[in-house]
Protein backbone atom coordinates (compact mmCIF):
# COMPACT_ATOMS: atom_id res chain seq x y z
CA MET A 1 128.71 61.79 104.19
CA ARG A 2 127.41 64.76 103.00
CA ILE A 3 127.51 67.92 105.25
CA ARG A 4 126.23 71.47 105.39
CA TYR A 5 128.10 73.84 107.91
CA LEU A 6 125.54 76.23 109.69
CA GLN A 7 127.63 79.15 110.08
CA ASN A 8 127.18 81.84 112.92
CA LYS A 9 128.78 85.62 113.73
CA ASP A 10 130.36 84.35 116.98
CA LYS A 11 133.50 85.54 117.56
CA ARG A 12 135.16 82.94 118.89
CA VAL A 13 134.10 80.35 115.91
CA LYS A 14 136.07 82.99 113.58
CA ASP A 15 139.12 80.91 112.43
CA PHE A 16 136.59 78.16 111.86
CA ASN A 17 134.66 79.91 109.64
CA THR A 18 137.75 80.87 107.63
CA LEU A 19 138.97 77.12 107.20
CA ILE A 20 135.58 76.16 105.91
CA GLU A 21 135.42 79.12 103.50
CA SER A 22 138.50 78.42 102.44
CA LYS A 23 139.13 74.87 102.06
CA PHE A 24 135.57 73.44 102.44
CA PRO A 25 133.01 76.15 100.60
CA THR A 26 130.63 73.20 99.74
CA LEU A 27 129.95 72.59 103.13
CA LEU A 28 128.25 76.27 102.86
CA ASP A 29 125.75 75.37 100.23
CA GLU A 30 124.89 72.06 100.50
CA LYS A 31 121.47 71.34 99.14
CA ASN A 32 120.98 67.82 100.26
CA PRO A 33 122.82 67.12 103.91
CA GLN A 34 123.12 64.03 106.10
CA ILE A 35 124.72 66.23 109.01
CA TYR A 36 124.45 69.76 109.72
CA LEU A 37 128.02 70.46 111.29
CA VAL A 38 127.93 73.36 113.87
CA ALA A 39 130.75 75.16 115.96
CA GLY A 40 130.73 77.57 119.08
CA GLY A 41 129.13 76.58 122.44
CA ASP A 42 125.84 74.91 123.62
CA GLY A 43 123.86 78.39 122.31
CA ALA A 44 125.44 78.17 118.42
CA MET A 45 123.84 74.49 119.00
CA LEU A 46 120.11 75.46 119.91
CA GLY A 47 120.21 78.54 117.55
CA ALA A 48 121.04 76.17 114.74
CA ILE A 49 118.11 73.37 115.87
CA HIS A 50 116.22 75.98 116.34
CA ASP A 51 116.29 77.47 112.93
CA THR A 52 116.33 74.16 111.42
CA ILE A 53 114.17 72.10 113.53
CA ASP A 54 111.73 70.52 110.36
CA SER A 55 114.65 68.79 108.93
CA GLN A 56 115.17 65.83 110.94
CA ILE A 57 118.81 65.62 110.02
CA PRO A 58 121.85 64.99 112.82
CA TYR A 59 123.57 67.88 114.29
CA ILE A 60 127.41 67.19 115.24
CA GLY A 61 128.89 70.42 116.95
CA LYS A 62 132.55 71.35 117.35
CA ALA A 63 133.27 72.88 120.92
CA LEU A 64 134.45 76.58 121.08
CA GLY A 65 132.08 77.92 123.87
CA THR A 66 132.13 77.85 127.53
CA PHE A 67 130.59 74.60 128.98
CA ASN A 68 129.90 72.71 125.51
CA PHE A 69 127.46 70.21 126.71
CA LEU A 70 126.47 69.54 123.27
CA MET A 71 129.73 69.99 121.57
CA ASN A 72 132.44 67.78 120.77
CA LYS A 73 136.30 68.47 121.25
CA ILE A 74 138.08 68.15 118.22
CA ASP A 75 141.72 69.03 117.92
CA ASP A 76 142.32 68.67 114.37
CA ASP A 77 139.78 70.22 112.17
CA GLU A 78 141.01 69.83 109.02
CA LYS A 79 141.22 65.96 109.39
CA PHE A 80 137.69 65.43 111.26
CA ILE A 81 135.99 67.29 108.16
CA ASN A 82 137.78 65.13 105.52
CA ASP A 83 137.45 62.32 107.70
CA LEU A 84 133.58 62.56 108.20
CA LEU A 85 133.21 63.57 104.38
CA ASN A 86 134.86 60.37 103.87
CA ASP A 87 132.63 58.22 106.33
CA ARG A 88 135.95 57.81 108.84
CA VAL A 89 134.26 58.80 111.72
CA LYS A 90 132.59 56.76 114.21
CA ILE A 91 129.40 59.05 115.84
CA ASP A 92 127.10 58.00 118.79
CA ILE A 93 123.84 59.86 117.87
CA PHE A 94 121.15 60.47 121.13
CA LYS A 95 117.42 61.21 120.07
CA THR A 96 115.56 63.87 121.90
CA HIS A 97 112.37 65.80 121.21
CA ALA A 98 111.39 69.46 121.40
CA ILE A 99 108.27 70.70 122.93
CA ARG A 100 105.49 71.97 120.93
CA ALA A 101 103.57 74.44 122.64
CA PHE A 102 99.59 75.51 121.46
CA LEU A 103 97.62 78.11 123.28
CA ASP A 104 93.93 77.04 123.03
CA GLY A 105 94.49 74.84 119.96
CA LYS A 106 97.01 77.80 118.16
CA LYS A 107 100.04 76.28 117.55
CA LEU A 108 102.74 78.74 119.53
CA GLY A 109 105.96 77.21 117.93
CA GLU A 110 108.78 74.54 119.97
CA ALA A 111 111.11 74.96 122.33
CA VAL A 112 114.35 73.11 122.43
CA ASN A 113 115.37 74.44 125.99
CA ASP A 114 112.13 74.65 127.96
CA VAL A 115 108.96 77.00 127.91
CA ILE A 116 109.00 79.34 131.02
CA LEU A 117 105.65 80.69 132.21
CA GLY A 118 106.04 83.76 134.06
CA ASP A 119 107.05 87.76 134.32
CA LYS A 120 109.41 88.85 136.73
CA LEU A 121 110.89 87.34 139.91
CA THR A 122 108.55 89.82 141.95
CA GLY A 123 105.77 88.78 139.66
CA TYR A 124 103.13 86.66 141.06
CA HIS A 125 100.55 84.05 139.20
CA THR A 126 98.32 81.10 139.96
CA PHE A 127 99.39 78.29 137.52
CA SER A 128 97.25 74.99 137.22
CA LEU A 129 99.14 72.14 136.13
CA SER A 130 97.79 68.36 134.36
CA THR A 131 99.38 66.42 132.39
CA SER A 132 97.87 63.46 130.88
CA THR A 133 99.77 60.44 132.72
CA GLY A 134 97.70 61.57 135.91
CA ASP A 135 101.11 62.71 137.62
CA PHE A 136 99.52 66.00 137.70
CA GLN A 137 95.28 66.45 138.17
CA GLU A 138 94.62 70.56 138.26
CA PHE A 139 97.56 70.66 140.30
CA GLU A 140 97.42 74.61 142.07
CA VAL A 141 100.56 76.49 142.51
CA LYS A 142 101.11 80.08 143.16
CA GLY A 143 104.44 82.00 142.51
CA SER A 144 106.79 83.61 139.80
CA GLY A 145 106.90 80.92 137.03
CA ILE A 146 106.87 77.45 136.28
CA CYS A 147 109.30 76.08 134.17
CA VAL A 148 109.01 72.51 131.85
CA SER A 149 112.29 71.72 130.44
CA THR A 150 113.09 69.30 127.80
CA THR A 151 116.42 66.86 128.41
CA ILE A 152 118.44 69.45 126.03
CA GLY A 153 117.43 72.42 128.22
CA SER A 154 117.70 70.49 131.59
CA THR A 155 120.83 71.92 132.18
CA ALA A 156 120.07 75.32 131.36
CA PHE A 157 117.39 77.56 133.41
CA ASN A 158 116.07 73.93 134.67
CA TYR A 159 119.69 73.30 136.42
CA ASN A 160 119.76 76.74 137.91
CA ASN A 161 116.76 76.43 139.19
CA ASN A 162 117.83 73.63 141.07
CA GLY A 163 116.07 70.89 138.60
CA ARG A 164 117.32 67.91 137.81
CA ILE A 165 119.69 66.51 134.86
CA LEU A 166 117.82 64.62 132.51
CA PRO A 167 119.04 61.92 130.43
CA LEU A 168 119.81 63.27 126.87
CA ASP A 169 117.82 60.26 125.42
CA SER A 170 115.34 59.61 127.68
CA CYS A 171 111.70 60.79 127.26
CA LEU A 172 111.04 62.72 130.28
CA LEU A 173 110.63 66.45 131.11
CA SER A 174 111.12 68.34 134.30
CA ILE A 175 109.37 70.79 135.91
CA THR A 176 109.83 73.10 138.63
CA GLY A 177 108.50 76.48 140.18
CA VAL A 178 110.17 79.33 140.25
CA VAL A 179 109.82 81.27 143.89
CA CYS A 180 106.72 79.31 144.98
CA ASN A 181 104.24 78.73 147.99
CA ARG A 182 104.22 74.82 147.29
CA PHE A 183 107.48 72.52 146.58
CA LEU A 184 107.75 71.81 142.48
CA ASN A 185 110.65 70.03 141.54
CA ASP A 186 109.15 66.50 139.51
CA ILE A 187 110.00 64.35 136.61
CA VAL A 188 107.06 62.96 134.61
CA PRO A 189 107.02 60.97 131.33
CA PHE A 190 107.12 63.14 128.08
CA GLU A 191 103.01 63.55 127.26
CA GLU A 192 100.84 66.19 127.10
CA VAL A 193 101.00 68.81 129.62
CA ARG A 194 97.96 71.43 130.20
CA ILE A 195 98.51 74.77 131.95
CA LYS A 196 96.17 77.52 133.16
CA SER A 197 97.29 80.87 134.25
CA ASN A 198 95.99 84.75 135.17
CA GLY A 199 98.40 86.07 132.87
CA ALA A 200 101.67 84.80 132.63
CA ARG A 201 103.94 85.52 129.95
CA ILE A 202 104.95 81.99 128.16
CA TYR A 203 108.84 82.13 126.75
CA LEU A 204 109.67 79.34 124.63
CA THR A 205 113.22 78.81 124.85
CA ASN A 206 113.50 82.33 125.85
CA VAL A 207 111.70 84.09 123.37
CA GLU A 208 108.73 85.74 124.02
CA SER A 209 105.59 84.09 122.87
CA GLU A 210 101.90 85.24 124.08
CA ILE A 211 100.47 85.92 127.12
CA LEU A 212 98.28 83.21 129.35
CA ASP A 213 95.60 84.63 130.36
CA GLU A 214 92.50 83.43 132.25
CA GLY A 215 90.19 81.37 130.48
CA LEU A 216 92.58 80.25 128.21
CA GLU A 217 94.86 76.98 128.25
CA LEU A 218 98.40 75.82 127.19
CA VAL A 219 99.33 72.37 125.86
CA LEU A 220 102.41 71.03 125.97
CA LYS A 221 103.08 68.21 123.75
CA LYS A 222 105.95 66.13 122.15
CA GLY A 223 107.32 68.14 119.25
CA SER A 224 109.97 67.51 116.36
CA GLU A 225 112.72 64.77 117.04
CA ILE A 226 116.25 66.35 117.48
CA SER A 227 119.27 64.19 117.21
CA ILE A 228 123.16 64.96 118.22
CA ALA A 229 125.92 62.73 117.30
CA PHE A 230 129.11 62.57 119.91
CA LEU A 231 133.02 61.43 118.76
CA ASP A 232 132.92 60.13 122.60
CA LYS A 233 129.56 59.14 124.37
CA ASN A 234 131.26 58.13 127.58
CA GLU A 235 132.78 61.28 127.73
CA PHE A 236 129.72 62.96 126.96
CA LEU A 237 127.71 60.74 129.78
CA ARG A 238 130.69 61.43 132.26
CA ARG A 239 130.28 65.61 131.92
CA ARG A 240 126.45 65.14 132.73
CA ILE A 241 127.27 63.09 135.44
CA GLU A 242 129.95 65.63 137.05
CA ILE A 243 127.38 68.59 136.93
CA ALA A 244 124.92 66.58 137.95
CA HIS A 245 127.39 66.12 141.19
CA ARG A 246 126.78 69.55 142.26
CA TYR A 247 125.20 69.27 145.34
CA ARG A 248 128.02 67.17 146.87
CA LYS A 249 130.64 69.95 146.16
């Protein structure tokens, strides 16, 4: 299997970077990869996906971060890379999608984790929410913000905002309100979402974009397909179920 290593500068991956540079240098400039290798934590994986989202190539992660929800525990790095190069590694691939955002027809970009509208915790905005599936029809809510999360992002801000953790390979979105006057904590099919507001800022996976002024409309659609590989599917599923049990602890 042809591998491209997407190097990053996280201090925790220094030794792994050295291993690649000294023993597998061709992985740094593979021009026609079949899989991307990423080392670090979930942030490293999200950054790699964001930078290469148009490639439609699967990602596999070496866990060196804190939570490692999207990464794999690998004990013998050199053996693993050799086995992966020679197609001796069994992997399970989960497929999901990013959110593609448009403001009045203009493409803003894609969000791997979530689209968050708001400004600050003490901010106050009015939001009107509609979905093509009919789950919401000009549903009006007032508060600090709204979070629309992908399956990948459901363990990030959405999780801390009491949103539900979504199966990674499901075609769903989690929508939660941030300090709102009405309860908003729903799971909807991953179809078109339309949002209006009166000046809320738009963030695509923590990156500030535009302002959703009155009279404008933010449209969220299914974006690029993302494929993430795991060495132990059952362990990955167990960890997601485990964090979903937080209310029992």
